[in-house]
N, C-alpha and C. Protein backbone atom coordinates (compact mmCIF):
# COMPACT_ATOMS: atom_id res chain seq x y z
N UNK A 1 0.85 -1.16 0.00
CA UNK A 1 0.00 0.00 0.00
C UNK A 1 0.91 1.23 0.00
N UNK A 2 0.60 2.19 -0.86
CA UNK A 2 1.40 3.41 -0.88
C UNK A 2 0.91 4.37 0.21
N UNK A 3 1.70 5.41 0.47
CA UNK A 3 1.39 6.32 1.56
C UNK A 3 0.08 7.06 1.35
N UNK A 4 -0.20 7.46 0.14
CA UNK A 4 -1.46 8.18 -0.14
C UNK A 4 -2.66 7.30 0.23
N UNK A 5 -2.60 6.05 -0.16
CA UNK A 5 -3.68 5.10 0.15
C UNK A 5 -3.76 4.86 1.66
N UNK A 6 -2.61 4.73 2.30
CA UNK A 6 -2.55 4.54 3.76
C UNK A 6 -3.21 5.72 4.47
N UNK A 7 -2.87 6.92 4.04
CA UNK A 7 -3.44 8.12 4.67
C UNK A 7 -4.95 8.20 4.49
N UNK A 8 -5.46 7.72 3.36
CA UNK A 8 -6.89 7.85 3.04
C UNK A 8 -7.73 6.66 3.50
N UNK A 9 -7.09 5.56 3.86
CA UNK A 9 -7.82 4.34 4.22
C UNK A 9 -8.60 4.53 5.51
N UNK A 10 -9.62 3.72 5.68
CA UNK A 10 -10.39 3.74 6.92
C UNK A 10 -9.55 3.30 8.10
N UNK A 11 -9.91 3.78 9.27
CA UNK A 11 -9.14 3.48 10.48
C UNK A 11 -9.03 1.98 10.73
N UNK A 12 -10.13 1.25 10.58
CA UNK A 12 -10.12 -0.19 10.83
C UNK A 12 -9.16 -0.91 9.89
N UNK A 13 -9.14 -0.50 8.63
CA UNK A 13 -8.22 -1.13 7.67
C UNK A 13 -6.78 -0.86 8.07
N UNK A 14 -6.48 0.38 8.43
CA UNK A 14 -5.12 0.74 8.82
C UNK A 14 -4.70 0.01 10.09
N UNK A 15 -5.62 -0.08 11.06
CA UNK A 15 -5.30 -0.83 12.28
C UNK A 15 -4.96 -2.28 11.97
N UNK A 16 -5.68 -2.89 11.04
CA UNK A 16 -5.39 -4.27 10.65
C UNK A 16 -4.04 -4.41 9.98
N UNK A 17 -3.70 -3.46 9.12
CA UNK A 17 -2.39 -3.49 8.46
C UNK A 17 -1.27 -3.34 9.47
N UNK A 18 -1.42 -2.40 10.36
CA UNK A 18 -0.38 -2.16 11.35
C UNK A 18 -0.25 -3.33 12.32
N UNK A 19 -1.37 -3.91 12.70
CA UNK A 19 -1.34 -5.05 13.62
C UNK A 19 -0.63 -6.25 13.00
N UNK A 20 -0.67 -6.37 11.68
CA UNK A 20 0.05 -7.45 11.01
C UNK A 20 1.56 -7.25 11.15
N UNK A 21 1.98 -6.00 11.28
CA UNK A 21 3.41 -5.69 11.47
C UNK A 21 3.82 -5.86 12.92
N UNK A 22 3.04 -5.28 13.81
CA UNK A 22 3.33 -5.33 15.25
C UNK A 22 2.00 -5.22 15.99
N UNK A 23 1.48 -6.33 16.47
CA UNK A 23 0.16 -6.32 17.11
C UNK A 23 0.20 -5.72 18.52
N UNK A 24 0.49 -4.44 18.57
CA UNK A 24 0.53 -3.70 19.82
C UNK A 24 -0.52 -2.61 19.68
N UNK A 25 -1.72 -2.83 20.24
CA UNK A 25 -2.86 -1.95 19.97
C UNK A 25 -2.62 -0.46 20.16
N UNK A 26 -1.95 -0.07 21.23
CA UNK A 26 -1.76 1.38 21.45
C UNK A 26 -0.82 1.98 20.41
N UNK A 27 0.15 1.22 19.94
CA UNK A 27 1.06 1.67 18.88
C UNK A 27 0.29 1.82 17.57
N UNK A 28 -0.49 0.81 17.24
CA UNK A 28 -1.29 0.85 16.01
C UNK A 28 -2.24 2.04 16.02
N UNK A 29 -2.94 2.24 17.13
CA UNK A 29 -3.90 3.33 17.23
C UNK A 29 -3.21 4.69 17.12
N UNK A 30 -2.08 4.85 17.78
CA UNK A 30 -1.37 6.14 17.72
C UNK A 30 -0.90 6.44 16.31
N UNK A 31 -0.41 5.44 15.60
CA UNK A 31 0.02 5.66 14.21
C UNK A 31 -1.15 5.96 13.30
N UNK A 32 -2.23 5.22 13.46
CA UNK A 32 -3.41 5.44 12.63
C UNK A 32 -4.01 6.82 12.88
N UNK A 33 -4.06 7.22 14.12
CA UNK A 33 -4.72 8.47 14.49
C UNK A 33 -3.88 9.71 14.16
N UNK A 34 -2.61 9.53 13.87
CA UNK A 34 -1.74 10.66 13.54
C UNK A 34 -1.73 10.96 12.03
N UNK A 35 -2.48 10.20 11.26
CA UNK A 35 -2.55 10.45 9.81
C UNK A 35 -3.24 11.77 9.56
N UNK A 36 -2.94 12.42 8.46
CA UNK A 36 -2.08 11.98 7.36
C UNK A 36 -0.61 12.30 7.62
N UNK A 37 0.25 11.49 7.01
CA UNK A 37 1.68 11.70 7.08
C UNK A 37 2.14 12.39 5.80
N UNK A 38 3.06 13.34 5.95
CA UNK A 38 3.57 14.11 4.80
C UNK A 38 4.46 13.26 3.91
N UNK A 39 5.07 12.24 4.47
CA UNK A 39 5.96 11.38 3.69
C UNK A 39 6.25 10.11 4.45
N UNK A 40 6.86 9.16 3.76
CA UNK A 40 7.20 7.89 4.37
C UNK A 40 8.15 8.08 5.54
N UNK A 41 9.09 9.01 5.39
CA UNK A 41 10.05 9.25 6.47
C UNK A 41 9.33 9.69 7.75
N UNK A 42 8.31 10.52 7.61
CA UNK A 42 7.56 10.98 8.78
C UNK A 42 6.82 9.82 9.45
N UNK A 43 6.25 8.94 8.66
CA UNK A 43 5.57 7.76 9.20
C UNK A 43 6.56 6.86 9.93
N UNK A 44 7.68 6.58 9.30
CA UNK A 44 8.67 5.70 9.91
C UNK A 44 9.26 6.31 11.18
N UNK A 45 9.49 7.61 11.17
CA UNK A 45 10.02 8.29 12.36
C UNK A 45 9.03 8.19 13.52
N UNK A 46 7.77 8.43 13.23
CA UNK A 46 6.74 8.35 14.28
C UNK A 46 6.62 6.92 14.79
N UNK A 47 6.64 5.95 13.89
CA UNK A 47 6.53 4.54 14.29
C UNK A 47 7.69 4.16 15.20
N UNK A 48 8.90 4.57 14.85
CA UNK A 48 10.07 4.25 15.67
C UNK A 48 10.00 4.94 17.02
N UNK A 49 9.59 6.20 17.03
CA UNK A 49 9.49 6.95 18.29
C UNK A 49 8.46 6.29 19.22
N UNK A 50 7.32 5.90 18.67
CA UNK A 50 6.30 5.23 19.48
C UNK A 50 6.76 3.85 19.96
N UNK A 51 7.55 3.17 19.14
CA UNK A 51 8.02 1.83 19.51
C UNK A 51 8.99 1.87 20.69
N UNK A 52 9.62 3.00 20.91
CA UNK A 52 10.53 3.11 22.05
C UNK A 52 9.81 2.89 23.38
N UNK A 53 8.51 3.10 23.40
CA UNK A 53 7.73 2.94 24.64
C UNK A 53 7.16 1.54 24.82
N UNK A 54 7.42 0.63 23.88
CA UNK A 54 6.90 -0.73 24.02
C UNK A 54 7.44 -1.36 25.30
N UNK A 55 6.58 -2.08 25.98
CA UNK A 55 7.01 -2.81 27.17
C UNK A 55 7.55 -4.17 26.75
N UNK A 56 8.28 -4.80 27.66
CA UNK A 56 8.78 -6.15 27.38
C UNK A 56 7.62 -7.10 27.10
N UNK A 57 6.55 -6.96 27.84
CA UNK A 57 5.38 -7.84 27.65
C UNK A 57 4.77 -7.63 26.27
N UNK A 58 4.70 -6.39 25.79
CA UNK A 58 4.16 -6.12 24.45
C UNK A 58 5.04 -6.73 23.37
N UNK A 59 6.34 -6.60 23.52
CA UNK A 59 7.28 -7.17 22.54
C UNK A 59 7.15 -8.70 22.55
N UNK A 60 7.12 -9.29 23.72
CA UNK A 60 6.99 -10.75 23.81
C UNK A 60 5.70 -11.23 23.15
N UNK A 61 4.59 -10.54 23.40
CA UNK A 61 3.31 -10.92 22.81
C UNK A 61 3.34 -10.77 21.30
N UNK A 62 3.94 -9.71 20.81
CA UNK A 62 4.03 -9.48 19.36
C UNK A 62 4.89 -10.55 18.70
N UNK A 63 6.02 -10.86 19.29
CA UNK A 63 6.91 -11.88 18.72
C UNK A 63 6.29 -13.26 18.75
N UNK A 64 5.48 -13.54 19.75
CA UNK A 64 4.85 -14.85 19.87
C UNK A 64 3.89 -15.13 18.71
N UNK A 65 3.39 -14.07 18.07
CA UNK A 65 2.44 -14.24 16.96
C UNK A 65 3.13 -14.50 15.63
N UNK A 66 4.44 -14.29 15.55
CA UNK A 66 5.17 -14.46 14.30
C UNK A 66 5.94 -15.77 14.34
N UNK A 67 5.97 -16.49 13.20
CA UNK A 67 6.76 -17.73 13.18
C UNK A 67 8.25 -17.40 13.29
N UNK A 68 8.98 -18.30 13.88
CA UNK A 68 10.42 -18.14 13.99
C UNK A 68 11.05 -18.29 12.60
N UNK A 69 12.21 -17.69 12.40
CA UNK A 69 12.90 -17.82 11.12
C UNK A 69 13.12 -19.29 10.83
N UNK A 70 12.71 -19.71 9.64
CA UNK A 70 12.84 -21.09 9.22
C UNK A 70 11.63 -21.95 9.52
N UNK A 71 10.73 -21.47 10.35
CA UNK A 71 9.53 -22.23 10.70
C UNK A 71 8.51 -22.13 9.57
N UNK A 72 7.83 -23.21 9.29
CA UNK A 72 6.80 -23.21 8.25
C UNK A 72 5.65 -22.30 8.66
N UNK A 73 5.19 -21.49 7.73
CA UNK A 73 4.09 -20.56 7.97
C UNK A 73 2.79 -21.30 7.65
N UNK A 74 1.93 -21.43 8.64
CA UNK A 74 0.72 -22.24 8.49
C UNK A 74 -0.56 -21.41 8.52
N UNK A 75 -0.45 -20.10 8.46
CA UNK A 75 -1.64 -19.26 8.48
C UNK A 75 -1.76 -18.50 7.17
N UNK A 76 -2.84 -17.73 7.04
CA UNK A 76 -3.03 -16.90 5.85
C UNK A 76 -3.34 -15.49 6.31
N UNK A 77 -3.45 -14.58 5.37
CA UNK A 77 -3.78 -13.21 5.68
C UNK A 77 -2.57 -12.30 5.66
N UNK A 78 -2.77 -11.06 6.11
CA UNK A 78 -1.73 -10.04 6.04
C UNK A 78 -0.52 -10.41 6.88
N UNK A 79 -0.74 -10.94 8.07
CA UNK A 79 0.38 -11.30 8.94
C UNK A 79 1.21 -12.41 8.31
N UNK A 80 0.56 -13.40 7.71
CA UNK A 80 1.28 -14.49 7.06
C UNK A 80 2.06 -13.98 5.85
N UNK A 81 1.48 -13.06 5.09
CA UNK A 81 2.17 -12.51 3.93
C UNK A 81 3.43 -11.77 4.35
N UNK A 82 3.34 -11.00 5.43
CA UNK A 82 4.53 -10.31 5.93
C UNK A 82 5.59 -11.32 6.38
N UNK A 83 5.16 -12.37 7.06
CA UNK A 83 6.10 -13.39 7.52
C UNK A 83 6.79 -14.07 6.35
N UNK A 84 6.03 -14.34 5.29
CA UNK A 84 6.63 -14.96 4.11
C UNK A 84 7.70 -14.05 3.50
N UNK A 85 7.42 -12.74 3.44
CA UNK A 85 8.42 -11.81 2.90
C UNK A 85 9.65 -11.77 3.80
N UNK A 86 9.45 -11.82 5.12
CA UNK A 86 10.58 -11.84 6.04
C UNK A 86 11.41 -13.10 5.83
N UNK A 87 10.75 -14.23 5.69
CA UNK A 87 11.44 -15.50 5.49
C UNK A 87 12.25 -15.46 4.18
N UNK A 88 11.64 -14.92 3.14
CA UNK A 88 12.32 -14.82 1.85
C UNK A 88 13.53 -13.91 1.96
N UNK A 89 13.41 -12.82 2.70
CA UNK A 89 14.51 -11.91 2.90
C UNK A 89 15.66 -12.53 3.66
N UNK A 90 15.35 -13.55 4.45
CA UNK A 90 16.39 -14.25 5.21
C UNK A 90 16.97 -15.42 4.41
N UNK A 91 16.59 -15.52 3.14
CA UNK A 91 17.09 -16.59 2.30
C UNK A 91 16.38 -17.90 2.54
N UNK A 92 15.18 -17.85 3.08
CA UNK A 92 14.43 -19.06 3.42
C UNK A 92 13.12 -19.09 2.65
N UNK A 93 13.16 -18.81 1.38
CA UNK A 93 11.94 -18.78 0.59
C UNK A 93 11.22 -20.11 0.72
N UNK A 94 9.91 -20.03 0.75
CA UNK A 94 9.10 -21.20 0.94
C UNK A 94 8.74 -21.41 2.40
N UNK A 95 9.36 -20.59 3.27
CA UNK A 95 8.98 -20.63 4.68
C UNK A 95 9.60 -21.75 5.49
N UNK A 96 10.68 -22.37 4.97
CA UNK A 96 11.30 -23.39 5.79
C UNK A 96 12.80 -23.41 5.54
N UNK A 97 13.54 -23.77 6.55
CA UNK A 97 15.00 -23.86 6.43
C UNK A 97 15.35 -25.13 5.69
N UNK A 98 16.52 -25.10 5.10
CA UNK A 98 16.97 -26.36 4.55
C UNK A 98 17.31 -26.23 3.17
């Protein structure tokens, strides 16, 4: 999704997209509610600044929802698509080591 579409999308859609990246509700809501962003750099800067406040429990919960590198991805949807891209970026295309 490009930035223009992200800025114009409904709140629920944006929350779903952000939750697929990091399922931390207060982070997702703060990013969604700060739209529109003037550029990608502004969005990324805000996301990083907000992420500094994540608690250990939030990070643990978010990581628990993502498959480990090399683990077969058994779900579908936005979160699974992101995981597949991460796996491919790690040289593990197909979602499994070996």
